[in-house]
């Protein structure tokens, strides 16, 4: 992703060691049990995770359009 100028997302991040390795590789976004366990959407308030180590990109989120 970095070479092509694209944002990258890693899935199935199961622990902190994997997250650190992906961070060193320049991965932009991660998801998986090592970040947060799945929960019903209704359980989330305005932000699912409050962690100073997590960087959010609201501009990217605002640019994503979902089908109607």
N, C-alpha and C. Protein backbone atom coordinates (compact mmCIF):
# COMPACT_ATOMS: atom_id res chain seq x y z
N UNK A 1 0.80 -1.19 0.00
CA UNK A 1 0.00 0.00 0.00
C UNK A 1 0.85 1.26 0.00
N UNK A 2 1.93 1.28 0.78
CA UNK A 2 2.75 2.49 0.88
C UNK A 2 3.40 2.83 -0.46
N UNK A 3 3.89 1.83 -1.17
CA UNK A 3 4.56 2.05 -2.45
C UNK A 3 3.59 2.60 -3.48
N UNK A 4 2.35 2.14 -3.43
CA UNK A 4 1.34 2.54 -4.41
C UNK A 4 0.54 3.76 -3.95
N UNK A 5 0.85 4.28 -2.77
CA UNK A 5 0.13 5.44 -2.26
C UNK A 5 -1.29 5.12 -1.82
N UNK A 6 -1.54 3.90 -1.41
CA UNK A 6 -2.87 3.46 -0.98
C UNK A 6 -2.89 3.25 0.53
N UNK A 7 -4.06 3.43 1.13
CA UNK A 7 -4.24 3.10 2.54
C UNK A 7 -4.39 1.59 2.66
N UNK A 8 -3.87 1.02 3.75
CA UNK A 8 -3.94 -0.42 3.95
C UNK A 8 -4.68 -0.75 5.24
N UNK A 9 -5.39 -1.89 5.21
CA UNK A 9 -6.14 -2.38 6.36
C UNK A 9 -5.72 -3.82 6.61
N UNK A 10 -5.32 -4.13 7.84
CA UNK A 10 -4.99 -5.50 8.21
C UNK A 10 -6.13 -6.06 9.05
N UNK A 11 -6.57 -7.25 8.70
CA UNK A 11 -7.63 -7.93 9.44
C UNK A 11 -7.04 -9.08 10.24
N UNK A 12 -7.82 -9.59 11.18
CA UNK A 12 -7.42 -10.73 12.03
C UNK A 12 -6.21 -10.40 12.89
N UNK A 13 -6.11 -9.15 13.36
CA UNK A 13 -5.03 -8.77 14.26
C UNK A 13 -5.39 -9.31 15.64
N UNK A 14 -4.69 -10.37 16.05
CA UNK A 14 -5.09 -11.12 17.24
C UNK A 14 -4.35 -10.73 18.52
N UNK A 15 -3.23 -10.01 18.40
CA UNK A 15 -2.50 -9.66 19.62
C UNK A 15 -1.63 -8.43 19.38
N UNK A 16 -1.04 -7.93 20.46
CA UNK A 16 -0.26 -6.70 20.41
C UNK A 16 1.02 -6.87 19.59
N UNK A 17 1.61 -8.05 19.60
CA UNK A 17 2.84 -8.28 18.82
C UNK A 17 2.55 -8.12 17.32
N UNK A 18 1.44 -8.65 16.88
CA UNK A 18 1.05 -8.51 15.46
C UNK A 18 0.77 -7.04 15.15
N UNK A 19 0.06 -6.36 16.05
CA UNK A 19 -0.25 -4.94 15.83
C UNK A 19 1.02 -4.11 15.70
N UNK A 20 1.99 -4.37 16.58
CA UNK A 20 3.27 -3.62 16.53
C UNK A 20 4.01 -3.89 15.22
N UNK A 21 4.02 -5.14 14.77
CA UNK A 21 4.69 -5.48 13.52
C UNK A 21 4.02 -4.75 12.35
N UNK A 22 2.70 -4.75 12.33
CA UNK A 22 1.97 -4.08 11.25
C UNK A 22 2.21 -2.58 11.29
N UNK A 23 2.31 -2.02 12.49
CA UNK A 23 2.60 -0.59 12.63
C UNK A 23 3.98 -0.28 12.05
N UNK A 24 4.96 -1.13 12.32
CA UNK A 24 6.31 -0.94 11.76
C UNK A 24 6.31 -1.05 10.24
N UNK A 25 5.42 -1.87 9.71
CA UNK A 25 5.33 -2.04 8.26
C UNK A 25 4.58 -0.90 7.59
N UNK A 26 3.95 -0.04 8.39
CA UNK A 26 3.24 1.11 7.84
C UNK A 26 1.79 0.88 7.51
N UNK A 27 1.19 -0.19 8.06
CA UNK A 27 -0.23 -0.44 7.83
C UNK A 27 -1.03 0.69 8.48
N UNK A 28 -2.05 1.18 7.77
CA UNK A 28 -2.81 2.34 8.25
C UNK A 28 -3.90 2.00 9.26
N UNK A 29 -4.60 0.90 9.05
CA UNK A 29 -5.74 0.54 9.89
C UNK A 29 -5.67 -0.94 10.23
N UNK A 30 -6.15 -1.30 11.43
CA UNK A 30 -6.18 -2.70 11.84
C UNK A 30 -7.53 -3.01 12.48
N UNK A 31 -7.88 -4.28 12.40
CA UNK A 31 -9.07 -4.74 13.11
C UNK A 31 -8.87 -6.19 13.50
N UNK A 32 -9.53 -6.61 14.53
CA UNK A 32 -9.42 -7.98 14.99
C UNK A 32 -9.58 -8.09 16.49
N UNK A 33 -9.57 -9.30 17.00
CA UNK A 33 -9.76 -9.55 18.43
C UNK A 33 -8.69 -8.86 19.27
N UNK A 34 -7.49 -8.66 18.73
CA UNK A 34 -6.45 -7.98 19.47
C UNK A 34 -6.72 -6.50 19.67
N UNK A 35 -7.65 -5.95 18.91
CA UNK A 35 -8.03 -4.54 19.02
C UNK A 35 -9.28 -4.42 19.87
N UNK A 36 -10.31 -5.16 19.50
CA UNK A 36 -11.58 -5.15 20.25
C UNK A 36 -12.40 -6.36 19.84
N UNK A 37 -13.08 -6.92 20.79
CA UNK A 37 -13.97 -8.06 20.53
C UNK A 37 -15.23 -7.56 19.83
N UNK A 38 -15.82 -8.38 18.98
CA UNK A 38 -17.07 -7.98 18.33
C UNK A 38 -18.17 -7.75 19.36
N UNK A 39 -18.97 -6.75 19.11
CA UNK A 39 -20.12 -6.45 19.96
C UNK A 39 -21.27 -6.03 19.07
N UNK A 40 -22.49 -6.17 19.53
CA UNK A 40 -23.62 -5.67 18.75
C UNK A 40 -23.48 -4.16 18.53
N UNK A 41 -23.86 -3.70 17.38
CA UNK A 41 -23.74 -2.29 17.04
C UNK A 41 -24.47 -1.41 18.06
N UNK A 42 -25.59 -1.87 18.58
CA UNK A 42 -26.36 -1.07 19.54
C UNK A 42 -25.59 -0.81 20.83
N UNK A 43 -24.55 -1.62 21.12
CA UNK A 43 -23.75 -1.44 22.33
C UNK A 43 -22.75 -0.30 22.22
N UNK A 44 -22.52 0.19 21.01
CA UNK A 44 -21.55 1.26 20.80
C UNK A 44 -22.20 2.61 21.00
N UNK A 45 -21.48 3.49 21.67
CA UNK A 45 -21.92 4.88 21.75
C UNK A 45 -21.43 5.59 20.51
N UNK A 46 -20.95 6.79 20.67
CA UNK A 46 -20.44 7.55 19.53
C UNK A 46 -19.07 7.07 19.07
N UNK A 47 -18.32 6.40 19.92
CA UNK A 47 -17.01 5.88 19.55
C UNK A 47 -16.82 4.51 20.19
N UNK A 48 -16.54 3.47 19.40
CA UNK A 48 -16.46 2.12 19.95
C UNK A 48 -15.27 1.88 20.87
N UNK A 49 -14.14 2.53 20.63
CA UNK A 49 -12.95 2.27 21.42
C UNK A 49 -12.33 3.60 21.81
N UNK A 50 -11.98 3.75 23.07
CA UNK A 50 -11.30 4.96 23.55
C UNK A 50 -9.91 4.56 23.98
N UNK A 51 -8.95 4.74 23.09
CA UNK A 51 -7.58 4.29 23.35
C UNK A 51 -6.64 5.30 22.73
N UNK A 52 -5.72 5.83 23.50
CA UNK A 52 -4.81 6.85 22.99
C UNK A 52 -3.86 6.30 21.94
N UNK A 53 -3.73 4.97 21.83
CA UNK A 53 -2.86 4.38 20.81
C UNK A 53 -3.54 4.25 19.46
N UNK A 54 -4.83 4.52 19.41
CA UNK A 54 -5.58 4.34 18.17
C UNK A 54 -5.73 5.69 17.50
N UNK A 55 -5.36 5.75 16.24
CA UNK A 55 -5.46 6.96 15.45
C UNK A 55 -6.70 6.84 14.58
N UNK A 56 -7.58 7.81 14.64
CA UNK A 56 -8.77 7.76 13.80
C UNK A 56 -8.61 8.74 12.65
N UNK A 57 -9.26 8.47 11.58
CA UNK A 57 -9.20 9.32 10.40
C UNK A 57 -10.62 9.65 9.98
N UNK A 58 -11.18 10.70 10.58
CA UNK A 58 -12.57 11.04 10.31
C UNK A 58 -12.77 11.50 8.87
N UNK A 59 -11.75 12.10 8.25
CA UNK A 59 -11.89 12.51 6.86
C UNK A 59 -12.08 11.30 5.97
N UNK A 60 -11.33 10.23 6.23
CA UNK A 60 -11.50 9.01 5.45
C UNK A 60 -12.89 8.44 5.68
N UNK A 61 -13.31 8.38 6.92
CA UNK A 61 -14.64 7.83 7.22
C UNK A 61 -15.73 8.66 6.55
N UNK A 62 -15.57 9.97 6.54
CA UNK A 62 -16.57 10.83 5.90
C UNK A 62 -16.60 10.65 4.39
N UNK A 63 -15.49 10.20 3.80
CA UNK A 63 -15.43 10.06 2.35
C UNK A 63 -16.00 8.74 1.86
N UNK A 64 -16.29 7.83 2.77
CA UNK A 64 -16.82 6.52 2.38
C UNK A 64 -18.33 6.62 2.25
N UNK A 65 -18.85 6.26 1.09
CA UNK A 65 -20.30 6.29 0.91
C UNK A 65 -20.83 4.86 0.87
N UNK A 66 -21.90 4.64 1.58
CA UNK A 66 -22.53 3.33 1.62
C UNK A 66 -23.71 3.30 0.66
N UNK A 67 -24.00 2.12 0.10
CA UNK A 67 -25.15 2.03 -0.80
C UNK A 67 -26.45 2.34 -0.06
N UNK A 68 -27.36 2.96 -0.75
CA UNK A 68 -28.66 3.32 -0.14
C UNK A 68 -29.57 2.12 -0.01
